[in-house]
């Protein structure tokens, strides 16, 4: 499929957007994995719901636009034929993160809104390694594709 010339100008922009959003999420996910989620276990139970709600709201404001940006950029670049199979893998990793978030981490956060539960916090920490690994691999691929 031959893209119109005016769309070719957007590929470079989409590359930069994908790189920026992905690297931002790589940083966020590692901070959440190593610093934020483990601290959930240290919050006093009577203060947990408020602290967890504040975390969920604030992190949502940061990650929702980044995740949407990643998805739009990845879909556009696949559609534009950019990056070949590597870009398809990047799209798959993006979808993997969205699926993991929607089916595993978000429901766990919803349950934690009811109150402190050490077992649920520990599950959240363990299950979040899925996203941490996916975003890390994606970050390496996006960086290699754009900067390599």
N, C-alpha and C. Protein backbone atom coordinates (compact mmCIF):
# COMPACT_ATOMS: atom_id res chain seq x y z
N UNK A 1 0.84 -1.18 0.00
CA UNK A 1 0.00 0.00 0.00
C UNK A 1 0.89 1.24 0.00
N UNK A 2 0.66 2.11 -0.95
CA UNK A 2 1.43 3.35 -1.07
C UNK A 2 0.73 4.45 -0.29
N UNK A 3 1.44 5.03 0.67
CA UNK A 3 0.87 6.12 1.46
C UNK A 3 0.97 7.42 0.69
N UNK A 4 -0.04 8.28 0.86
CA UNK A 4 0.07 9.62 0.27
C UNK A 4 1.29 10.35 0.85
N UNK A 5 1.89 11.21 0.06
CA UNK A 5 3.10 11.92 0.47
C UNK A 5 2.91 12.69 1.76
N UNK A 6 1.75 13.31 1.95
CA UNK A 6 1.55 14.11 3.17
C UNK A 6 1.60 13.25 4.43
N UNK A 7 1.22 11.95 4.33
CA UNK A 7 1.28 11.07 5.50
C UNK A 7 2.70 10.67 5.86
N UNK A 8 3.56 10.62 4.85
CA UNK A 8 4.95 10.26 5.11
C UNK A 8 5.61 11.25 6.06
N UNK A 9 5.17 12.50 6.01
CA UNK A 9 5.71 13.52 6.90
C UNK A 9 5.37 13.22 8.36
N UNK A 10 4.30 12.47 8.60
CA UNK A 10 3.87 12.19 9.97
C UNK A 10 4.57 10.98 10.59
N UNK A 11 5.24 10.19 9.80
CA UNK A 11 5.91 9.00 10.33
C UNK A 11 7.01 9.40 11.31
N UNK A 12 7.82 10.37 10.94
CA UNK A 12 8.89 10.81 11.83
C UNK A 12 8.32 11.37 13.14
N UNK A 13 7.25 12.11 13.05
CA UNK A 13 6.59 12.63 14.25
C UNK A 13 6.05 11.48 15.10
N UNK A 14 5.41 10.51 14.48
CA UNK A 14 4.87 9.36 15.21
C UNK A 14 5.98 8.55 15.87
N UNK A 15 7.13 8.43 15.20
CA UNK A 15 8.29 7.76 15.80
C UNK A 15 8.70 8.46 17.10
N UNK A 16 8.82 9.77 17.04
CA UNK A 16 9.25 10.54 18.20
C UNK A 16 8.21 10.46 19.32
N UNK A 17 6.95 10.51 18.96
CA UNK A 17 5.88 10.41 19.96
C UNK A 17 5.89 9.03 20.60
N UNK A 18 6.03 7.99 19.78
CA UNK A 18 6.08 6.63 20.33
C UNK A 18 7.27 6.47 21.27
N UNK A 19 8.42 6.98 20.87
CA UNK A 19 9.61 6.88 21.71
C UNK A 19 9.41 7.62 23.03
N UNK A 20 8.92 8.83 22.98
CA UNK A 20 8.74 9.63 24.20
C UNK A 20 7.72 8.98 25.15
N UNK A 21 6.58 8.57 24.62
CA UNK A 21 5.55 7.97 25.47
C UNK A 21 6.01 6.65 26.06
N UNK A 22 6.68 5.84 25.25
CA UNK A 22 7.16 4.55 25.74
C UNK A 22 8.21 4.72 26.82
N UNK A 23 9.18 5.59 26.59
CA UNK A 23 10.24 5.78 27.58
C UNK A 23 9.67 6.39 28.87
N UNK A 24 8.69 7.26 28.74
CA UNK A 24 8.04 7.79 29.94
C UNK A 24 7.39 6.66 30.72
N UNK A 25 6.70 5.75 30.02
CA UNK A 25 6.04 4.63 30.70
C UNK A 25 7.05 3.64 31.27
N UNK A 26 8.17 3.46 30.62
CA UNK A 26 9.21 2.59 31.19
C UNK A 26 9.66 3.16 32.53
N UNK A 27 9.89 4.45 32.58
CA UNK A 27 10.28 5.08 33.84
C UNK A 27 9.20 4.97 34.90
N UNK A 28 7.97 5.25 34.52
CA UNK A 28 6.85 5.18 35.46
C UNK A 28 6.70 3.76 36.00
N UNK A 29 6.72 2.77 35.14
CA UNK A 29 6.45 1.40 35.59
C UNK A 29 7.53 0.90 36.54
N UNK A 30 8.78 1.28 36.31
CA UNK A 30 9.85 0.86 37.22
C UNK A 30 9.74 1.56 38.58
N UNK A 31 9.37 2.83 38.59
CA UNK A 31 9.16 3.53 39.87
C UNK A 31 7.99 2.90 40.62
N UNK A 32 6.90 2.62 39.91
CA UNK A 32 5.74 1.99 40.55
C UNK A 32 6.12 0.61 41.08
N UNK A 33 6.82 -0.18 40.27
CA UNK A 33 7.16 -1.55 40.66
C UNK A 33 8.10 -1.59 41.87
N UNK A 34 9.11 -0.75 41.88
CA UNK A 34 10.14 -0.83 42.92
C UNK A 34 9.88 0.07 44.12
N UNK A 35 9.15 1.17 43.93
CA UNK A 35 8.98 2.14 45.01
C UNK A 35 7.54 2.27 45.51
N UNK A 36 6.59 2.37 44.60
CA UNK A 36 5.21 2.69 44.99
C UNK A 36 4.47 1.47 45.51
N UNK A 37 4.35 0.43 44.71
CA UNK A 37 3.56 -0.73 45.13
C UNK A 37 4.08 -1.38 46.41
N UNK A 38 5.39 -1.56 46.58
CA UNK A 38 5.86 -2.15 47.84
C UNK A 38 5.50 -1.30 49.07
N UNK A 39 5.41 0.02 48.90
CA UNK A 39 5.03 0.90 50.02
C UNK A 39 3.57 0.71 50.42
N UNK A 40 2.74 0.18 49.54
CA UNK A 40 1.35 -0.10 49.92
C UNK A 40 1.29 -0.97 51.16
N UNK A 41 2.26 -1.87 51.30
CA UNK A 41 2.28 -2.79 52.44
C UNK A 41 2.62 -2.07 53.75
N UNK A 42 3.17 -0.86 53.66
CA UNK A 42 3.57 -0.10 54.84
C UNK A 42 2.54 0.93 55.29
N UNK A 43 1.50 1.13 54.51
CA UNK A 43 0.47 2.12 54.86
C UNK A 43 -0.41 1.54 55.97
N UNK A 44 -0.66 2.34 56.98
CA UNK A 44 -1.53 1.89 58.06
C UNK A 44 -2.92 1.60 57.49
N UNK A 45 -3.51 0.48 57.89
CA UNK A 45 -4.80 0.07 57.32
C UNK A 45 -5.89 1.15 57.38
N UNK A 46 -5.92 1.94 58.45
CA UNK A 46 -6.96 2.97 58.56
C UNK A 46 -6.73 4.15 57.60
N UNK A 47 -5.54 4.24 57.01
CA UNK A 47 -5.24 5.31 56.05
C UNK A 47 -5.10 4.79 54.63
N UNK A 48 -5.25 3.48 54.47
CA UNK A 48 -4.97 2.85 53.18
C UNK A 48 -5.92 3.30 52.08
N UNK A 49 -7.22 3.29 52.33
CA UNK A 49 -8.19 3.59 51.27
C UNK A 49 -7.94 4.97 50.69
N UNK A 50 -7.72 5.94 51.56
CA UNK A 50 -7.49 7.31 51.08
C UNK A 50 -6.18 7.39 50.29
N UNK A 51 -5.11 6.78 50.83
CA UNK A 51 -3.81 6.83 50.15
C UNK A 51 -3.88 6.09 48.80
N UNK A 52 -4.55 4.96 48.80
CA UNK A 52 -4.67 4.19 47.56
C UNK A 52 -5.50 4.94 46.52
N UNK A 53 -6.58 5.56 46.96
CA UNK A 53 -7.41 6.33 46.03
C UNK A 53 -6.59 7.48 45.43
N UNK A 54 -5.85 8.19 46.27
CA UNK A 54 -5.03 9.30 45.80
C UNK A 54 -4.00 8.81 44.78
N UNK A 55 -3.35 7.67 45.08
CA UNK A 55 -2.39 7.09 44.13
C UNK A 55 -3.09 6.76 42.81
N UNK A 56 -4.21 6.06 42.90
CA UNK A 56 -4.91 5.61 41.69
C UNK A 56 -5.33 6.78 40.82
N UNK A 57 -5.85 7.83 41.44
CA UNK A 57 -6.28 8.99 40.68
C UNK A 57 -5.08 9.68 40.02
N UNK A 58 -4.05 9.95 40.82
CA UNK A 58 -2.89 10.69 40.31
C UNK A 58 -2.14 9.91 39.23
N UNK A 59 -1.94 8.63 39.46
CA UNK A 59 -1.21 7.84 38.46
C UNK A 59 -2.04 7.69 37.19
N UNK A 60 -3.35 7.63 37.35
CA UNK A 60 -4.23 7.54 36.18
C UNK A 60 -4.14 8.76 35.29
N UNK A 61 -4.01 9.93 35.90
CA UNK A 61 -3.88 11.17 35.15
C UNK A 61 -2.59 11.17 34.33
N UNK A 62 -1.58 10.50 34.86
CA UNK A 62 -0.29 10.44 34.16
C UNK A 62 -0.30 9.34 33.10
N UNK A 63 -0.72 8.12 33.48
CA UNK A 63 -0.53 6.99 32.56
C UNK A 63 -1.61 6.85 31.50
N UNK A 64 -2.83 7.27 31.78
CA UNK A 64 -3.89 7.10 30.76
C UNK A 64 -3.55 7.83 29.46
N UNK A 65 -3.15 9.10 29.50
CA UNK A 65 -2.78 9.76 28.23
C UNK A 65 -1.55 9.13 27.57
N UNK A 66 -0.58 8.70 28.38
CA UNK A 66 0.61 8.07 27.81
C UNK A 66 0.27 6.75 27.13
N UNK A 67 -0.57 5.95 27.78
CA UNK A 67 -0.94 4.65 27.20
C UNK A 67 -1.76 4.85 25.92
N UNK A 68 -2.65 5.82 25.91
CA UNK A 68 -3.44 6.11 24.71
C UNK A 68 -2.51 6.60 23.59
N UNK A 69 -1.58 7.44 23.94
CA UNK A 69 -0.61 7.94 22.96
C UNK A 69 0.21 6.81 22.37
N UNK A 70 0.68 5.90 23.24
CA UNK A 70 1.44 4.73 22.76
C UNK A 70 0.62 3.92 21.77
N UNK A 71 -0.64 3.67 22.11
CA UNK A 71 -1.50 2.86 21.25
C UNK A 71 -1.72 3.52 19.89
N UNK A 72 -2.07 4.80 19.90
CA UNK A 72 -2.33 5.50 18.65
C UNK A 72 -1.07 5.53 17.78
N UNK A 73 0.07 5.82 18.38
CA UNK A 73 1.33 5.87 17.61
C UNK A 73 1.67 4.49 17.04
N UNK A 74 1.53 3.45 17.86
CA UNK A 74 1.86 2.10 17.39
C UNK A 74 0.94 1.66 16.25
N UNK A 75 -0.34 1.93 16.39
CA UNK A 75 -1.30 1.56 15.33
C UNK A 75 -1.00 2.34 14.06
N UNK A 76 -0.76 3.63 14.18
CA UNK A 76 -0.45 4.44 13.00
C UNK A 76 0.80 3.93 12.30
N UNK A 77 1.85 3.63 13.07
CA UNK A 77 3.11 3.19 12.46
C UNK A 77 2.98 1.82 11.79
N UNK A 78 2.19 0.94 12.37
CA UNK A 78 1.92 -0.35 11.71
C UNK A 78 1.15 -0.09 10.42
N UNK A 79 0.12 0.72 10.50
CA UNK A 79 -0.70 1.04 9.33
C UNK A 79 0.14 1.68 8.22
N UNK A 80 1.11 2.52 8.63
CA UNK A 80 1.97 3.20 7.66
C UNK A 80 3.05 2.29 7.08
N UNK A 81 3.16 1.08 7.64
CA UNK A 81 4.16 0.15 7.15
C UNK A 81 5.55 0.41 7.67
N UNK A 82 5.65 1.19 8.73
CA UNK A 82 6.94 1.55 9.31
C UNK A 82 7.46 0.44 10.22
N UNK A 83 8.73 0.13 10.13
CA UNK A 83 9.37 -0.74 11.10
C UNK A 83 9.17 -2.23 10.91
N UNK A 84 8.38 -2.62 9.92
CA UNK A 84 8.19 -4.03 9.63
C UNK A 84 7.71 -4.84 10.83
N UNK A 85 8.27 -6.04 10.98
CA UNK A 85 7.85 -6.96 12.03
C UNK A 85 8.12 -6.40 13.43
N UNK A 86 9.18 -5.62 13.58
CA UNK A 86 9.51 -5.05 14.90
C UNK A 86 8.37 -4.15 15.37
N UNK A 87 7.81 -3.34 14.46
CA UNK A 87 6.70 -2.46 14.85
C UNK A 87 5.46 -3.27 15.20
N UNK A 88 5.25 -4.39 14.53
CA UNK A 88 4.14 -5.28 14.90
C UNK A 88 4.34 -5.84 16.30
N UNK A 89 5.56 -6.20 16.64
CA UNK A 89 5.85 -6.70 17.99
C UNK A 89 5.62 -5.58 19.01
N UNK A 90 6.03 -4.36 18.67
CA UNK A 90 5.79 -3.22 19.55
C UNK A 90 4.29 -3.03 19.78
N UNK A 91 3.50 -3.14 18.72
CA UNK A 91 2.05 -3.04 18.87
C UNK A 91 1.52 -4.17 19.76
N UNK A 92 2.02 -5.38 19.58
CA UNK A 92 1.59 -6.50 20.41
C UNK A 92 1.93 -6.26 21.88
N UNK A 93 3.11 -5.74 22.16
CA UNK A 93 3.50 -5.42 23.53
C UNK A 93 2.61 -4.33 24.12
N UNK A 94 2.26 -3.35 23.30
CA UNK A 94 1.35 -2.29 23.72
C UNK A 94 0.00 -2.89 24.11
N UNK A 95 -0.52 -3.76 23.25
CA UNK A 95 -1.80 -4.41 23.55
C UNK A 95 -1.68 -5.32 24.77
N UNK A 96 -0.54 -5.98 24.94
CA UNK A 96 -0.32 -6.82 26.11
C UNK A 96 -0.40 -6.01 27.40
N UNK A 97 0.18 -4.82 27.38
CA UNK A 97 0.11 -3.95 28.56
C UNK A 97 -1.31 -3.49 28.84
N UNK A 98 -2.03 -3.14 27.79
CA UNK A 98 -3.42 -2.72 27.97
C UNK A 98 -4.27 -3.87 28.52
N UNK A 99 -4.07 -5.06 28.00
CA UNK A 99 -4.83 -6.23 28.45
C UNK A 99 -4.49 -6.56 29.90
N UNK A 100 -3.20 -6.57 30.23
CA UNK A 100 -2.80 -6.85 31.60
C UNK A 100 -3.39 -5.82 32.55
N UNK A 101 -3.32 -4.56 32.17
CA UNK A 101 -3.88 -3.50 33.01
C UNK A 101 -5.38 -3.70 33.21
N UNK A 102 -6.09 -3.95 32.13
CA UNK A 102 -7.55 -4.06 32.20
C UNK A 102 -8.02 -5.32 32.93
N UNK A 103 -7.32 -6.43 32.74
CA UNK A 103 -7.81 -7.71 33.27
C UNK A 103 -7.18 -8.11 34.60
N UNK A 104 -6.02 -7.55 34.94
CA UNK A 104 -5.33 -7.98 36.16
C UNK A 104 -5.16 -6.83 37.14
N UNK A 105 -4.40 -5.79 36.75
CA UNK A 105 -4.07 -4.75 37.71
C UNK A 105 -5.26 -3.85 38.07
N UNK A 106 -6.03 -3.40 37.09
CA UNK A 106 -7.17 -2.53 37.41
C UNK A 106 -8.19 -3.21 38.32
N UNK A 107 -8.57 -4.47 38.06
CA UNK A 107 -9.49 -5.12 39.00
C UNK A 107 -8.89 -5.28 40.41
N UNK A 108 -7.59 -5.50 40.48
CA UNK A 108 -6.94 -5.59 41.79
C UNK A 108 -7.02 -4.24 42.51
N UNK A 109 -6.78 -3.16 41.79
CA UNK A 109 -6.91 -1.83 42.39
C UNK A 109 -8.36 -1.59 42.84
N UNK A 110 -9.31 -2.03 42.06
CA UNK A 110 -10.72 -1.86 42.44
C UNK A 110 -11.01 -2.58 43.76
N UNK A 111 -10.48 -3.79 43.90
CA UNK A 111 -10.67 -4.54 45.15
C UNK A 111 -9.98 -3.84 46.32
N UNK A 112 -8.81 -3.26 46.06
CA UNK A 112 -8.08 -2.56 47.12
C UNK A 112 -8.78 -1.27 47.55
N UNK A 113 -9.65 -0.74 46.72
CA UNK A 113 -10.44 0.44 47.10
C UNK A 113 -11.35 0.14 48.30
N UNK A 114 -11.62 -1.12 48.52
CA UNK A 114 -12.49 -1.52 49.64
C UNK A 114 -11.74 -1.51 50.97
N UNK A 115 -10.43 -1.58 50.91
CA UNK A 115 -9.65 -1.55 52.14
C UNK A 115 -8.36 -2.34 51.99
N UNK A 116 -7.47 -2.16 52.96
CA UNK A 116 -6.17 -2.81 52.95
C UNK A 116 -6.32 -4.32 52.99
N UNK A 117 -5.53 -4.98 52.14
CA UNK A 117 -5.46 -6.44 52.13
C UNK A 117 -4.05 -6.79 51.67
N UNK A 118 -3.24 -7.30 52.61
CA UNK A 118 -1.83 -7.59 52.30
C UNK A 118 -1.70 -8.58 51.17
N UNK A 119 -2.58 -9.58 51.10
CA UNK A 119 -2.52 -10.58 50.04
C UNK A 119 -2.78 -9.94 48.67
N UNK A 120 -3.76 -9.05 48.60
CA UNK A 120 -4.06 -8.37 47.34
C UNK A 120 -2.92 -7.42 46.94
N UNK A 121 -2.33 -6.75 47.93
CA UNK A 121 -1.17 -5.89 47.62
C UNK A 121 -0.01 -6.71 47.08
N UNK A 122 0.24 -7.84 47.69
CA UNK A 122 1.33 -8.71 47.23
C UNK A 122 1.04 -9.24 45.84
N UNK A 123 -0.23 -9.58 45.57
CA UNK A 123 -0.61 -10.03 44.22
C UNK A 123 -0.37 -8.91 43.21
N UNK A 124 -0.72 -7.69 43.58
CA UNK A 124 -0.52 -6.55 42.69
C UNK A 124 0.97 -6.38 42.37
N UNK A 125 1.81 -6.48 43.38
CA UNK A 125 3.25 -6.35 43.17
C UNK A 125 3.76 -7.45 42.24
N UNK A 126 3.36 -8.68 42.50
CA UNK A 126 3.81 -9.80 41.64
C UNK A 126 3.28 -9.68 40.23
N UNK A 127 2.00 -9.40 40.08
CA UNK A 127 1.40 -9.36 38.75
C UNK A 127 1.88 -8.17 37.93
N UNK A 128 2.32 -7.12 38.60
CA UNK A 128 2.80 -5.95 37.88
C UNK A 128 4.12 -6.21 37.16
N UNK A 129 4.81 -7.29 37.52
CA UNK A 129 6.01 -7.65 36.79
C UNK A 129 5.70 -7.94 35.32
N UNK A 130 4.48 -8.37 35.03
CA UNK A 130 4.08 -8.59 33.64
C UNK A 130 4.26 -7.29 32.86
N UNK A 131 3.67 -6.22 33.38
CA UNK A 131 3.77 -4.93 32.68
C UNK A 131 5.19 -4.38 32.70
N UNK A 132 5.89 -4.57 33.80
CA UNK A 132 7.26 -4.07 33.90
C UNK A 132 8.13 -4.71 32.83
N UNK A 133 8.01 -6.00 32.65
CA UNK A 133 8.80 -6.70 31.62
C UNK A 133 8.35 -6.28 30.22
N UNK A 134 7.04 -6.25 29.98
CA UNK A 134 6.54 -5.87 28.65
C UNK A 134 6.99 -4.46 28.28
N UNK A 135 6.85 -3.50 29.20
CA UNK A 135 7.27 -2.13 28.88
C UNK A 135 8.77 -2.03 28.70
N UNK A 136 9.53 -2.78 29.47
CA UNK A 136 10.99 -2.74 29.34
C UNK A 136 11.43 -3.28 27.98
N UNK A 137 10.87 -4.40 27.56
CA UNK A 137 11.18 -4.97 26.25
C UNK A 137 10.74 -4.00 25.15
N UNK A 138 9.54 -3.46 25.31
CA UNK A 138 9.04 -2.50 24.33
C UNK A 138 9.97 -1.29 24.24
N UNK A 139 10.42 -0.78 25.39
CA UNK A 139 11.32 0.36 25.39
C UNK A 139 12.60 0.08 24.62
N UNK A 140 13.16 -1.10 24.82
CA UNK A 140 14.37 -1.48 24.09
C UNK A 140 14.10 -1.54 22.59
N UNK A 141 12.99 -2.15 22.21
CA UNK A 141 12.67 -2.26 20.77
C UNK A 141 12.40 -0.91 20.13
N UNK A 142 11.63 -0.07 20.81
CA UNK A 142 11.32 1.24 20.26
C UNK A 142 12.60 2.07 20.13
N UNK A 143 13.43 2.03 21.15
CA UNK A 143 14.69 2.78 21.10
C UNK A 143 15.56 2.28 19.95
N UNK A 144 15.68 0.96 19.82
CA UNK A 144 16.51 0.40 18.75
C UNK A 144 15.95 0.75 17.37
N UNK A 145 14.63 0.72 17.24
CA UNK A 145 14.01 1.00 15.94
C UNK A 145 14.19 2.47 15.57
N UNK A 146 13.97 3.36 16.51
CA UNK A 146 14.01 4.79 16.21
C UNK A 146 15.45 5.31 16.17
N UNK A 147 16.27 4.85 17.08
CA UNK A 147 17.63 5.41 17.22
C UNK A 147 18.71 4.56 16.58
N UNK A 148 18.35 3.33 16.20
CA UNK A 148 19.37 2.41 15.69
C UNK A 148 19.73 2.58 14.25
